[in-house]
Amino acid sequence: MVRTGNYQGVQGGIFGAGISAQSAGAE
């Protein structure tokens, strides 16, 4: 389970840090 934080994407917009390799070990 991931409780989201936020980050500014290099391409623009505010992203919720959802599921990724960094947050959940997604491959």
PDB file of all heavy atoms in Angstrom:
ATOM      1  N   MET A   1       0.841  -1.178   0.000  1.00  0.00           N
ATOM      2  CA  MET A   1       0.000   0.000   0.000  1.00  0.00           C
ATOM      3  C   MET A   1       0.885   1.240   0.000  1.00  0.00           C
ATOM      4  O   MET A   1       1.924   1.258   0.645  1.00  0.00           O
ATOM      5  CB  MET A   1      -0.890   0.011   1.235  1.00  0.00           C
ATOM      6  CG  MET A   1      -1.853   1.185   1.199  1.00  0.00           C
ATOM      7  SD  MET A   1      -2.809   1.360   2.698  1.00  0.00           S
ATOM      8  CE  MET A   1      -1.704   2.342   3.649  1.00  0.00           C
ATOM      9  N   VAL A   2       0.454   2.242  -0.728  1.00  0.00           N
ATOM     10  CA  VAL A   2       1.200   3.504  -0.801  1.00  0.00           C
ATOM     11  C   VAL A   2       0.266   4.632  -0.411  1.00  0.00           C
ATOM     12  O   VAL A   2      -0.828   4.762  -0.957  1.00  0.00           O
ATOM     13  CB  VAL A   2       1.741   3.751  -2.232  1.00  0.00           C
ATOM     14  CG1 VAL A   2       2.404   5.109  -2.332  1.00  0.00           C
ATOM     15  CG2 VAL A   2       2.692   2.635  -2.640  1.00  0.00           C
ATOM     16  N   ARG A   3       0.688   5.435   0.539  1.00  0.00           N
ATOM     17  CA  ARG A   3      -0.029   6.671   0.858  1.00  0.00           C
ATOM     18  C   ARG A   3       0.721   7.761   0.115  1.00  0.00           C
ATOM     19  O   ARG A   3       1.903   7.968   0.322  1.00  0.00           O
ATOM     20  CB  ARG A   3      -0.037   6.931   2.352  1.00  0.00           C
ATOM     21  CG  ARG A   3      -0.846   5.913   3.094  1.00  0.00           C
ATOM     22  CD  ARG A   3      -1.208   6.409   4.471  1.00  0.00           C
ATOM     23  NE  ARG A   3      -1.708   5.329   5.293  1.00  0.00           N
ATOM     24  CZ  ARG A   3      -2.961   4.906   5.303  1.00  0.00           C
ATOM     25  NH1 ARG A   3      -3.845   5.470   4.516  1.00  0.00           N
ATOM     26  NH2 ARG A   3      -3.334   3.923   6.087  1.00  0.00           N
ATOM     27  N   THR A   4       0.012   8.441  -0.747  1.00  0.00           N
ATOM     28  CA  THR A   4       0.653   9.333  -1.702  1.00  0.00           C
ATOM     29  C   THR A   4       1.211  10.610  -1.078  1.00  0.00           C
ATOM     30  O   THR A   4       0.663  11.141  -0.125  1.00  0.00           O
ATOM     31  CB  THR A   4      -0.320   9.667  -2.854  1.00  0.00           C
ATOM     32  OG1 THR A   4       0.410  10.321  -3.886  1.00  0.00           O
ATOM     33  CG2 THR A   4      -1.457  10.557  -2.401  1.00  0.00           C
ATOM     34  N   GLY A   5       2.303  11.061  -1.645  1.00  0.00           N
ATOM     35  CA  GLY A   5       2.843  12.392  -1.440  1.00  0.00           C
ATOM     36  C   GLY A   5       2.776  13.057  -2.797  1.00  0.00           C
ATOM     37  O   GLY A   5       2.247  12.476  -3.746  1.00  0.00           O
ATOM     38  N   ASN A   6       3.300  14.242  -2.947  1.00  0.00           N
ATOM     39  CA  ASN A   6       3.260  14.942  -4.232  1.00  0.00           C
ATOM     40  C   ASN A   6       4.648  15.328  -4.686  1.00  0.00           C
ATOM     41  O   ASN A   6       5.543  15.535  -3.873  1.00  0.00           O
ATOM     42  CB  ASN A   6       2.412  16.219  -4.121  1.00  0.00           C
ATOM     43  CG  ASN A   6       0.956  15.914  -3.887  1.00  0.00           C
ATOM     44  OD1 ASN A   6       0.411  14.999  -4.464  1.00  0.00           O
ATOM     45  ND2 ASN A   6       0.325  16.680  -3.012  1.00  0.00           N
ATOM     46  N   TYR A   7       4.822  15.440  -5.999  1.00  0.00           N
ATOM     47  CA  TYR A   7       6.062  15.953  -6.568  1.00  0.00           C
ATOM     48  C   TYR A   7       5.747  16.658  -7.878  1.00  0.00           C
ATOM     49  O   TYR A   7       4.751  16.357  -8.539  1.00  0.00           O
ATOM     50  CB  TYR A   7       7.112  14.855  -6.763  1.00  0.00           C
ATOM     51  CG  TYR A   7       6.758  13.820  -7.822  1.00  0.00           C
ATOM     52  CD1 TYR A   7       7.167  13.977  -9.147  1.00  0.00           C
ATOM     53  CD2 TYR A   7       6.024  12.687  -7.500  1.00  0.00           C
ATOM     54  CE1 TYR A   7       6.857  13.039 -10.103  1.00  0.00           C
ATOM     55  CE2 TYR A   7       5.704  11.743  -8.455  1.00  0.00           C
ATOM     56  CZ  TYR A   7       6.127  11.926  -9.756  1.00  0.00           C
ATOM     57  OH  TYR A   7       5.806  10.992 -10.715  1.00  0.00           O
ATOM     58  N   GLN A   8       6.600  17.612  -8.229  1.00  0.00           N
ATOM     59  CA  GLN A   8       6.492  18.341  -9.490  1.00  0.00           C
ATOM     60  C   GLN A   8       7.151  17.502 -10.577  1.00  0.00           C
ATOM     61  O   GLN A   8       8.326  17.164 -10.455  1.00  0.00           O
ATOM     62  CB  GLN A   8       7.189  19.698  -9.379  1.00  0.00           C
ATOM     63  CG  GLN A   8       7.213  20.506 -10.654  1.00  0.00           C
ATOM     64  CD  GLN A   8       5.894  21.167 -10.974  1.00  0.00           C
ATOM     65  OE1 GLN A   8       5.203  21.631 -10.083  1.00  0.00           O
ATOM     66  NE2 GLN A   8       5.545  21.226 -12.237  1.00  0.00           N
ATOM     67  N   GLY A   9       6.405  17.148 -11.622  1.00  0.00           N
ATOM     68  CA  GLY A   9       6.982  16.400 -12.734  1.00  0.00           C
ATOM     69  C   GLY A   9       7.865  17.298 -13.585  1.00  0.00           C
ATOM     70  O   GLY A   9       7.563  18.484 -13.755  1.00  0.00           O
ATOM     71  N   VAL A  10       8.951  16.755 -14.130  1.00  0.00           N
ATOM     72  CA  VAL A  10       9.820  17.563 -14.989  1.00  0.00           C
ATOM     73  C   VAL A  10       9.073  18.052 -16.215  1.00  0.00           C
ATOM     74  O   VAL A  10       9.405  19.088 -16.778  1.00  0.00           O
ATOM     75  CB  VAL A  10      11.112  16.804 -15.411  1.00  0.00           C
ATOM     76  CG1 VAL A  10      11.969  16.475 -14.220  1.00  0.00           C
ATOM     77  CG2 VAL A  10      10.796  15.566 -16.220  1.00  0.00           C
ATOM     78  N   GLN A  11       8.035  17.306 -16.627  1.00  0.00           N
ATOM     79  CA  GLN A  11       7.233  17.686 -17.779  1.00  0.00           C
ATOM     80  C   GLN A  11       6.086  18.612 -17.409  1.00  0.00           C
ATOM     81  O   GLN A  11       5.350  19.064 -18.260  1.00  0.00           O
ATOM     82  CB  GLN A  11       6.720  16.436 -18.496  1.00  0.00           C
ATOM     83  CG  GLN A  11       5.661  15.654 -17.738  1.00  0.00           C
ATOM     84  CD  GLN A  11       6.219  14.600 -16.793  1.00  0.00           C
ATOM     85  OE1 GLN A  11       7.172  14.839 -16.069  1.00  0.00           O
ATOM     86  NE2 GLN A  11       5.606  13.429 -16.789  1.00  0.00           N
ATOM     87  N   GLY A  12       5.942  18.934 -16.128  1.00  0.00           N
ATOM     88  CA  GLY A  12       4.879  19.814 -15.658  1.00  0.00           C
ATOM     89  C   GLY A  12       3.810  19.049 -14.917  1.00  0.00           C
ATOM     90  O   GLY A  12       3.676  17.838 -15.045  1.00  0.00           O
ATOM     91  N   GLY A  13       3.057  19.747 -14.097  1.00  0.00           N
ATOM     92  CA  GLY A  13       1.981  19.140 -13.335  1.00  0.00           C
ATOM     93  C   GLY A  13       2.455  18.649 -11.975  1.00  0.00           C
ATOM     94  O   GLY A  13       3.641  18.447 -11.743  1.00  0.00           O
ATOM     95  N   ILE A  14       1.495  18.481 -11.081  1.00  0.00           N
ATOM     96  CA  ILE A  14       1.758  17.962  -9.747  1.00  0.00           C
ATOM     97  C   ILE A  14       1.285  16.512  -9.718  1.00  0.00           C
ATOM     98  O   ILE A  14       0.105  16.231  -9.924  1.00  0.00           O
ATOM     99  CB  ILE A  14       1.018  18.780  -8.663  1.00  0.00           C
ATOM    100  CG1 ILE A  14       1.380  20.263  -8.757  1.00  0.00           C
ATOM    101  CG2 ILE A  14       1.317  18.215  -7.275  1.00  0.00           C
ATOM    102  CD1 ILE A  14       2.833  20.577  -8.517  1.00  0.00           C
ATOM    103  N   PHE A  15       2.216  15.605  -9.480  1.00  0.00           N
ATOM    104  CA  PHE A  15       1.920  14.185  -9.458  1.00  0.00           C
ATOM    105  C   PHE A  15       1.771  13.686  -8.032  1.00  0.00           C
ATOM    106  O   PHE A  15       2.536  14.080  -7.148  1.00  0.00           O
ATOM    107  CB  PHE A  15       3.047  13.388 -10.131  1.00  0.00           C
ATOM    108  CG  PHE A  15       3.070  13.510 -11.625  1.00  0.00           C
ATOM    109  CD1 PHE A  15       3.688  14.586 -12.237  1.00  0.00           C
ATOM    110  CD2 PHE A  15       2.474  12.547 -12.420  1.00  0.00           C
ATOM    111  CE1 PHE A  15       3.707  14.707 -13.615  1.00  0.00           C
ATOM    112  CE2 PHE A  15       2.489  12.661 -13.794  1.00  0.00           C
ATOM    113  CZ  PHE A  15       3.108  13.738 -14.400  1.00  0.00           C
ATOM    114  N   GLY A  16       0.804  12.806  -7.824  1.00  0.00           N
ATOM    115  CA  GLY A  16       0.717  12.043  -6.591  1.00  0.00           C
ATOM    116  C   GLY A  16       1.641  10.856  -6.736  1.00  0.00           C
ATOM    117  O   GLY A  16       1.549  10.117  -7.716  1.00  0.00           O
ATOM    118  N   ALA A  17       2.569  10.701  -5.808  1.00  0.00           N
ATOM    119  CA  ALA A  17       3.556   9.615  -5.884  1.00  0.00           C
ATOM    120  C   ALA A  17       2.862   8.287  -5.614  1.00  0.00           C
ATOM    121  O   ALA A  17       2.844   7.798  -4.496  1.00  0.00           O
ATOM    122  CB  ALA A  17       4.686   9.865  -4.905  1.00  0.00           C
ATOM    123  N   GLY A  18       2.270   7.713  -6.628  1.00  0.00           N
ATOM    124  CA  GLY A  18       1.500   6.475  -6.504  1.00  0.00           C
ATOM    125  C   GLY A  18       2.372   5.247  -6.560  1.00  0.00           C
ATOM    126  O   GLY A  18       3.351   5.120  -5.829  1.00  0.00           O
ATOM    127  N   ILE A  19       2.057   4.347  -7.461  1.00  0.00           N
ATOM    128  CA  ILE A  19       2.778   3.089  -7.601  1.00  0.00           C
ATOM    129  C   ILE A  19       3.930   3.263  -8.588  1.00  0.00           C
ATOM    130  O   ILE A  19       3.729   3.703  -9.714  1.00  0.00           O
ATOM    131  CB  ILE A  19       1.830   1.970  -8.101  1.00  0.00           C
ATOM    132  CG1 ILE A  19       0.647   1.796  -7.155  1.00  0.00           C
ATOM    133  CG2 ILE A  19       2.591   0.668  -8.315  1.00  0.00           C
ATOM    134  CD1 ILE A  19       1.013   1.373  -5.746  1.00  0.00           C
ATOM    135  N   SER A  20       5.133   2.927  -8.157  1.00  0.00           N
ATOM    136  CA  SER A  20       6.315   3.008  -9.008  1.00  0.00           C
ATOM    137  C   SER A  20       7.374   2.053  -8.456  1.00  0.00           C
ATOM    138  O   SER A  20       7.172   1.420  -7.417  1.00  0.00           O
ATOM    139  CB  SER A  20       6.875   4.440  -9.024  1.00  0.00           C
ATOM    140  OG  SER A  20       7.389   4.776  -7.739  1.00  0.00           O
ATOM    141  N   ALA A  21       8.502   1.987  -9.130  1.00  0.00           N
ATOM    142  CA  ALA A  21       9.612   1.183  -8.614  1.00  0.00           C
ATOM    143  C   ALA A  21      10.050   1.698  -7.251  1.00  0.00           C
ATOM    144  O   ALA A  21      10.325   0.924  -6.337  1.00  0.00           O
ATOM    145  CB  ALA A  21      10.780   1.216  -9.599  1.00  0.00           C
ATOM    146  N   GLN A  22      10.069   3.019  -7.114  1.00  0.00           N
ATOM    147  CA  GLN A  22      10.547   3.624  -5.888  1.00  0.00           C
ATOM    148  C   GLN A  22       9.577   3.437  -4.718  1.00  0.00           C
ATOM    149  O   GLN A  22       9.997   3.197  -3.590  1.00  0.00           O
ATOM    150  CB  GLN A  22      10.814   5.122  -6.089  1.00  0.00           C
ATOM    151  CG  GLN A  22      11.947   5.430  -7.042  1.00  0.00           C
ATOM    152  CD  GLN A  22      11.593   5.235  -8.515  1.00  0.00           C
ATOM    153  OE1 GLN A  22      10.432   5.219  -8.908  1.00  0.00           O
ATOM    154  NE2 GLN A  22      12.624   5.067  -9.343  1.00  0.00           N
ATOM    155  N   SER A  23       8.280   3.540  -4.978  1.00  0.00           N
ATOM    156  CA  SER A  23       7.308   3.500  -3.873  1.00  0.00           C
ATOM    157  C   SER A  23       6.831   2.095  -3.528  1.00  0.00           C
ATOM    158  O   SER A  23       6.464   1.833  -2.385  1.00  0.00           O
ATOM    159  CB  SER A  23       6.090   4.369  -4.208  1.00  0.00           C
ATOM    160  OG  SER A  23       5.346   3.785  -5.269  1.00  0.00           O
ATOM    161  N   ALA A  24       6.808   1.200  -4.523  1.00  0.00           N
ATOM    162  CA  ALA A  24       6.195  -0.106  -4.287  1.00  0.00           C
ATOM    163  C   ALA A  24       6.992  -1.274  -4.873  1.00  0.00           C
ATOM    164  O   ALA A  24       6.531  -2.407  -4.824  1.00  0.00           O
ATOM    165  CB  ALA A  24       4.782  -0.116  -4.873  1.00  0.00           C
ATOM    166  N   GLY A  25       8.145  -0.990  -5.463  1.00  0.00           N
ATOM    167  CA  GLY A  25       8.931  -2.055  -6.067  1.00  0.00           C
ATOM    168  C   GLY A  25       8.387  -2.544  -7.395  1.00  0.00           C
ATOM    169  O   GLY A  25       8.724  -3.640  -7.853  1.00  0.00           O
ATOM    170  N   ALA A  26       7.532  -1.733  -8.047  1.00  0.00           N
ATOM    171  CA  ALA A  26       6.972  -2.119  -9.353  1.00  0.00           C
ATOM    172  C   ALA A  26       8.101  -2.366 -10.354  1.00  0.00           C
ATOM    173  O   ALA A  26       9.108  -1.665 -10.346  1.00  0.00           O
ATOM    174  CB  ALA A  26       6.035  -1.038  -9.867  1.00  0.00           C
ATOM    175  N   GLU A  27       7.910  -3.350 -11.216  1.00  0.00           N
ATOM    176  CA  GLU A  27       8.938  -3.705 -12.189  1.00  0.00           C
ATOM    177  C   GLU A  27       8.614  -3.296 -13.613  1.00  0.00           C
ATOM    178  O   GLU A  27       9.513  -3.147 -14.428  1.00  0.00           O
ATOM    179  CB  GLU A  27       9.192  -5.209 -12.136  1.00  0.00           C
ATOM    180  CG  GLU A  27       9.761  -5.654 -10.798  1.00  0.00           C
ATOM    181  CD  GLU A  27      10.009  -7.149 -10.736  1.00  0.00           C
ATOM    182  OE1 GLU A  27       9.904  -7.829 -11.784  1.00  0.00           O
ATOM    183  OE2 GLU A  27      10.300  -7.643  -9.637  1.00  0.00           O
TER     184      GLU A  27
END
